[in-house]
N, C-alpha and C. Protein backbone atom coordinates (compact mmCIF):
# COMPACT_ATOMS: atom_id res chain seq x y z
N MET A 1 -5.54 4.13 -12.99
CA MET A 1 -4.82 4.10 -11.73
C MET A 1 -3.39 3.66 -12.00
N ARG A 2 -2.50 4.29 -11.29
CA ARG A 2 -1.09 3.92 -11.44
C ARG A 2 -0.80 2.61 -10.71
N GLN A 3 0.07 1.82 -11.31
CA GLN A 3 0.56 0.58 -10.72
C GLN A 3 2.05 0.77 -10.47
N LEU A 4 2.54 0.29 -9.36
CA LEU A 4 3.95 0.47 -9.01
C LEU A 4 4.55 -0.87 -8.62
N PRO A 5 5.56 -1.33 -9.35
CA PRO A 5 6.25 -2.57 -8.97
C PRO A 5 7.03 -2.37 -7.67
N PRO A 6 7.24 -3.43 -6.91
CA PRO A 6 7.96 -3.32 -5.64
C PRO A 6 9.34 -2.67 -5.76
N ALA A 7 10.11 -3.00 -6.79
CA ALA A 7 11.46 -2.43 -6.92
C ALA A 7 11.40 -0.91 -7.09
N GLU A 8 10.38 -0.42 -7.79
CA GLU A 8 10.24 1.04 -7.95
C GLU A 8 9.83 1.71 -6.65
N LEU A 9 8.98 1.04 -5.87
CA LEU A 9 8.62 1.59 -4.56
C LEU A 9 9.85 1.64 -3.66
N LYS A 10 10.65 0.59 -3.67
CA LYS A 10 11.87 0.56 -2.86
C LYS A 10 12.80 1.72 -3.24
N ALA A 11 12.97 1.95 -4.55
CA ALA A 11 13.82 3.05 -5.00
C ALA A 11 13.27 4.39 -4.53
N TRP A 12 11.96 4.55 -4.58
CA TRP A 12 11.31 5.77 -4.11
C TRP A 12 11.57 5.97 -2.62
N LEU A 13 11.35 4.93 -1.84
CA LEU A 13 11.53 5.04 -0.40
C LEU A 13 12.98 5.31 -0.02
N ASP A 14 13.91 4.82 -0.83
CA ASP A 14 15.33 5.02 -0.55
C ASP A 14 15.86 6.36 -1.05
N ASP A 15 15.08 7.09 -1.82
CA ASP A 15 15.52 8.35 -2.41
C ASP A 15 15.29 9.51 -1.44
N PRO A 16 16.37 10.07 -0.87
CA PRO A 16 16.19 11.15 0.10
C PRO A 16 15.65 12.44 -0.51
N GLN A 17 15.68 12.55 -1.83
CA GLN A 17 15.19 13.75 -2.51
C GLN A 17 13.67 13.74 -2.70
N ARG A 18 13.06 12.57 -2.57
CA ARG A 18 11.61 12.47 -2.81
C ARG A 18 10.84 12.40 -1.50
N GLU A 19 9.71 13.08 -1.49
CA GLU A 19 8.82 13.00 -0.34
C GLU A 19 8.24 11.59 -0.27
N LYS A 20 8.19 11.04 0.91
CA LYS A 20 7.71 9.67 1.09
C LYS A 20 6.19 9.61 0.95
N PRO A 21 5.69 8.57 0.31
CA PRO A 21 4.24 8.41 0.21
C PRO A 21 3.68 7.80 1.49
N LEU A 22 2.39 7.88 1.64
CA LEU A 22 1.71 7.12 2.68
C LEU A 22 1.65 5.68 2.17
N LEU A 23 2.13 4.75 2.96
CA LEU A 23 2.01 3.32 2.64
C LEU A 23 0.78 2.82 3.37
N LEU A 24 -0.28 2.59 2.63
CA LEU A 24 -1.57 2.24 3.21
C LEU A 24 -1.83 0.75 3.02
N ASP A 25 -1.71 0.00 4.10
CA ASP A 25 -1.89 -1.45 4.06
C ASP A 25 -3.34 -1.77 4.40
N VAL A 26 -4.04 -2.43 3.48
CA VAL A 26 -5.48 -2.67 3.66
C VAL A 26 -5.79 -4.13 4.02
N ARG A 27 -4.77 -4.88 4.40
CA ARG A 27 -4.99 -6.26 4.82
C ARG A 27 -5.60 -6.28 6.23
N GLU A 28 -5.92 -7.46 6.70
CA GLU A 28 -6.45 -7.60 8.06
C GLU A 28 -5.31 -7.54 9.07
N THR A 29 -5.66 -7.29 10.33
CA THR A 29 -4.67 -7.10 11.38
C THR A 29 -3.72 -8.30 11.48
N TRP A 30 -4.25 -9.51 11.42
CA TRP A 30 -3.40 -10.70 11.57
C TRP A 30 -2.37 -10.78 10.43
N GLU A 31 -2.76 -10.33 9.24
CA GLU A 31 -1.84 -10.34 8.11
C GLU A 31 -0.73 -9.30 8.32
N PHE A 32 -1.13 -8.13 8.76
CA PHE A 32 -0.18 -7.04 9.02
C PHE A 32 0.82 -7.45 10.09
N GLU A 33 0.33 -8.14 11.13
CA GLU A 33 1.20 -8.58 12.21
C GLU A 33 2.19 -9.64 11.71
N ARG A 34 1.79 -10.41 10.74
CA ARG A 34 2.67 -11.45 10.16
C ARG A 34 3.84 -10.81 9.40
N CYS A 35 3.53 -9.80 8.60
CA CYS A 35 4.56 -9.10 7.83
C CYS A 35 3.98 -7.80 7.28
N HIS A 36 4.83 -6.82 7.16
CA HIS A 36 4.41 -5.55 6.55
C HIS A 36 5.65 -4.76 6.15
N ILE A 37 5.45 -3.81 5.29
CA ILE A 37 6.53 -2.92 4.88
C ILE A 37 6.69 -1.87 5.97
N ASP A 38 7.93 -1.65 6.39
CA ASP A 38 8.19 -0.67 7.45
C ASP A 38 7.57 0.68 7.13
N GLY A 39 6.90 1.23 8.11
CA GLY A 39 6.29 2.55 7.97
C GLY A 39 4.87 2.52 7.44
N ALA A 40 4.36 1.34 7.12
CA ALA A 40 2.99 1.24 6.58
C ALA A 40 1.96 1.51 7.66
N LYS A 41 0.86 2.11 7.23
CA LYS A 41 -0.29 2.38 8.11
C LYS A 41 -1.34 1.32 7.82
N LEU A 42 -1.81 0.64 8.85
CA LEU A 42 -2.84 -0.39 8.69
C LEU A 42 -4.23 0.24 8.72
N MET A 43 -5.02 -0.05 7.69
CA MET A 43 -6.40 0.37 7.62
C MET A 43 -7.15 -0.74 6.87
N PRO A 44 -7.58 -1.78 7.60
CA PRO A 44 -8.17 -2.96 6.94
C PRO A 44 -9.33 -2.63 6.01
N MET A 45 -9.34 -3.32 4.88
CA MET A 45 -10.38 -3.13 3.88
C MET A 45 -11.77 -3.36 4.49
N SER A 46 -11.86 -4.30 5.42
CA SER A 46 -13.15 -4.62 6.03
C SER A 46 -13.75 -3.45 6.81
N GLN A 47 -12.92 -2.48 7.18
CA GLN A 47 -13.39 -1.31 7.92
C GLN A 47 -13.18 -0.02 7.14
N PHE A 48 -12.80 -0.15 5.90
CA PHE A 48 -12.31 0.99 5.14
C PHE A 48 -13.32 2.10 4.92
N GLN A 49 -14.55 1.76 4.62
CA GLN A 49 -15.54 2.80 4.33
C GLN A 49 -15.79 3.71 5.52
N SER A 50 -15.57 3.19 6.72
CA SER A 50 -15.80 4.03 7.90
C SER A 50 -14.53 4.74 8.37
N THR A 51 -13.37 4.43 7.78
CA THR A 51 -12.13 5.03 8.25
C THR A 51 -11.39 5.86 7.21
N PHE A 52 -11.74 5.74 5.94
CA PHE A 52 -10.94 6.40 4.90
C PHE A 52 -10.98 7.93 4.98
N ALA A 53 -11.97 8.49 5.67
CA ALA A 53 -12.05 9.95 5.80
C ALA A 53 -10.86 10.51 6.58
N GLU A 54 -10.12 9.65 7.30
CA GLU A 54 -8.93 10.07 8.04
C GLU A 54 -7.77 10.38 7.09
N LEU A 55 -7.86 9.93 5.85
CA LEU A 55 -6.75 10.08 4.90
C LEU A 55 -6.76 11.45 4.24
N ASP A 56 -5.58 11.89 3.83
CA ASP A 56 -5.41 13.16 3.15
C ASP A 56 -5.45 12.91 1.64
N PRO A 57 -6.46 13.42 0.94
CA PRO A 57 -6.57 13.18 -0.50
C PRO A 57 -5.45 13.82 -1.32
N ASP A 58 -4.70 14.73 -0.71
CA ASP A 58 -3.59 15.38 -1.41
C ASP A 58 -2.26 14.67 -1.21
N GLN A 59 -2.24 13.65 -0.37
CA GLN A 59 -0.99 12.94 -0.12
C GLN A 59 -0.85 11.77 -1.10
N GLU A 60 0.35 11.61 -1.63
CA GLU A 60 0.66 10.46 -2.48
C GLU A 60 0.47 9.21 -1.63
N THR A 61 -0.36 8.28 -2.10
CA THR A 61 -0.71 7.10 -1.31
C THR A 61 -0.49 5.83 -2.12
N VAL A 62 0.31 4.92 -1.56
CA VAL A 62 0.53 3.61 -2.17
C VAL A 62 -0.29 2.62 -1.36
N VAL A 63 -1.25 1.97 -2.03
CA VAL A 63 -2.13 1.02 -1.36
C VAL A 63 -1.53 -0.38 -1.51
N ILE A 64 -1.54 -1.12 -0.40
CA ILE A 64 -0.84 -2.41 -0.31
C ILE A 64 -1.77 -3.48 0.25
N CYS A 65 -1.69 -4.67 -0.32
CA CYS A 65 -2.37 -5.83 0.27
C CYS A 65 -1.47 -7.04 0.08
N HIS A 66 -2.04 -8.24 0.07
CA HIS A 66 -1.24 -9.46 -0.04
C HIS A 66 -0.72 -9.67 -1.47
N HIS A 67 -1.62 -9.64 -2.45
CA HIS A 67 -1.22 -9.88 -3.84
C HIS A 67 -1.55 -8.74 -4.80
N GLY A 68 -2.19 -7.70 -4.32
CA GLY A 68 -2.49 -6.55 -5.16
C GLY A 68 -3.93 -6.45 -5.63
N VAL A 69 -4.78 -7.38 -5.22
CA VAL A 69 -6.18 -7.36 -5.66
C VAL A 69 -7.02 -6.46 -4.76
N ARG A 70 -6.97 -6.70 -3.45
CA ARG A 70 -7.73 -5.85 -2.53
C ARG A 70 -7.26 -4.41 -2.63
N SER A 71 -5.96 -4.21 -2.72
CA SER A 71 -5.44 -2.85 -2.81
C SER A 71 -5.91 -2.17 -4.09
N PHE A 72 -6.05 -2.92 -5.17
CA PHE A 72 -6.57 -2.35 -6.42
C PHE A 72 -7.99 -1.83 -6.20
N HIS A 73 -8.81 -2.63 -5.53
CA HIS A 73 -10.20 -2.22 -5.29
C HIS A 73 -10.27 -1.00 -4.35
N VAL A 74 -9.43 -0.99 -3.33
CA VAL A 74 -9.40 0.16 -2.42
C VAL A 74 -8.91 1.40 -3.15
N ALA A 75 -7.88 1.25 -3.96
CA ALA A 75 -7.36 2.40 -4.71
C ALA A 75 -8.42 2.95 -5.65
N ARG A 76 -9.14 2.06 -6.30
CA ARG A 76 -10.22 2.50 -7.19
C ARG A 76 -11.31 3.23 -6.40
N PHE A 77 -11.65 2.70 -5.22
CA PHE A 77 -12.62 3.35 -4.34
C PHE A 77 -12.15 4.76 -3.98
N LEU A 78 -10.87 4.88 -3.63
CA LEU A 78 -10.33 6.20 -3.28
C LEU A 78 -10.41 7.16 -4.47
N GLU A 79 -10.06 6.68 -5.65
CA GLU A 79 -10.16 7.52 -6.84
C GLU A 79 -11.59 8.00 -7.07
N HIS A 80 -12.55 7.13 -6.86
CA HIS A 80 -13.96 7.51 -7.03
C HIS A 80 -14.42 8.49 -5.96
N ASN A 81 -13.62 8.61 -4.90
CA ASN A 81 -13.96 9.54 -3.82
C ASN A 81 -13.03 10.75 -3.79
N GLY A 82 -12.45 11.08 -4.95
CA GLY A 82 -11.71 12.32 -5.09
C GLY A 82 -10.21 12.27 -4.84
N PHE A 83 -9.68 11.10 -4.55
CA PHE A 83 -8.24 10.98 -4.34
C PHE A 83 -7.57 10.82 -5.71
N GLU A 84 -6.63 11.70 -6.02
CA GLU A 84 -5.99 11.68 -7.33
C GLU A 84 -4.57 11.12 -7.30
N LYS A 85 -3.98 10.99 -6.13
CA LYS A 85 -2.59 10.54 -6.01
C LYS A 85 -2.53 9.14 -5.40
N VAL A 86 -3.22 8.22 -6.04
CA VAL A 86 -3.34 6.85 -5.54
C VAL A 86 -2.59 5.90 -6.45
N ILE A 87 -1.83 5.01 -5.83
CA ILE A 87 -1.02 4.03 -6.57
C ILE A 87 -1.24 2.66 -5.94
N ASN A 88 -1.37 1.65 -6.78
CA ASN A 88 -1.50 0.28 -6.30
C ASN A 88 -0.13 -0.41 -6.37
N LEU A 89 0.27 -1.07 -5.28
CA LEU A 89 1.52 -1.83 -5.29
C LEU A 89 1.28 -3.15 -6.02
N THR A 90 1.88 -3.30 -7.17
CA THR A 90 1.72 -4.49 -7.99
C THR A 90 2.26 -5.72 -7.25
N GLY A 91 1.41 -6.72 -7.08
CA GLY A 91 1.85 -7.96 -6.45
C GLY A 91 1.85 -7.94 -4.93
N GLY A 92 1.56 -6.79 -4.33
CA GLY A 92 1.44 -6.68 -2.88
C GLY A 92 2.68 -7.06 -2.09
N VAL A 93 2.48 -7.38 -0.81
CA VAL A 93 3.61 -7.73 0.04
C VAL A 93 4.25 -9.05 -0.38
N ASP A 94 3.49 -9.89 -1.05
CA ASP A 94 4.07 -11.14 -1.54
C ASP A 94 5.18 -10.84 -2.54
N ALA A 95 4.91 -9.95 -3.49
CA ALA A 95 5.93 -9.56 -4.47
C ALA A 95 7.06 -8.79 -3.79
N TRP A 96 6.73 -7.95 -2.81
CA TRP A 96 7.76 -7.21 -2.08
C TRP A 96 8.73 -8.20 -1.42
N ALA A 97 8.19 -9.25 -0.80
CA ALA A 97 9.03 -10.25 -0.13
C ALA A 97 9.90 -11.00 -1.12
N LYS A 98 9.39 -11.27 -2.29
CA LYS A 98 10.14 -12.03 -3.29
C LYS A 98 11.17 -11.18 -4.03
N GLU A 99 10.85 -9.89 -4.23
CA GLU A 99 11.70 -9.05 -5.06
C GLU A 99 12.57 -8.06 -4.30
N VAL A 100 12.14 -7.66 -3.11
CA VAL A 100 12.84 -6.58 -2.39
C VAL A 100 13.41 -7.05 -1.06
N ASP A 101 12.58 -7.65 -0.23
CA ASP A 101 12.97 -8.03 1.13
C ASP A 101 12.79 -9.54 1.31
N ARG A 102 13.79 -10.28 0.93
CA ARG A 102 13.68 -11.76 0.98
C ARG A 102 13.66 -12.30 2.40
N GLN A 103 13.89 -11.45 3.39
CA GLN A 103 13.83 -11.87 4.80
C GLN A 103 12.40 -11.75 5.34
N MET A 104 11.53 -11.06 4.60
CA MET A 104 10.16 -10.87 5.06
C MET A 104 9.42 -12.21 5.06
N PRO A 105 8.72 -12.52 6.16
CA PRO A 105 7.92 -13.75 6.17
C PRO A 105 6.82 -13.68 5.10
N THR A 106 6.47 -14.82 4.56
CA THR A 106 5.38 -14.89 3.58
C THR A 106 4.30 -15.82 4.12
N TYR A 107 3.15 -15.76 3.50
CA TYR A 107 2.03 -16.63 3.89
C TYR A 107 1.17 -16.92 2.71
């Protein structure tokens, strides 16, 4: 599975020549409400097995959580279910807040 550091995701999102990935946030609702990357879609890991069929397996998908552990497991689950364009955000929103968006609240 591909791993993507926050700075590389930021560069991707800022590049008008590249198609934007789906930013799939798998944290719980209260976490998402506290902070999230703009444009992210919330799909909590706790409900994931019943909702992942809504996703497009052909779309580039960056999976996001707090520190990168839950997103790693979700990304692996997606790969085992036929998704080939799955990327884990290394360090999650915590790393994003420290490296990219220092104004983002942390917890």
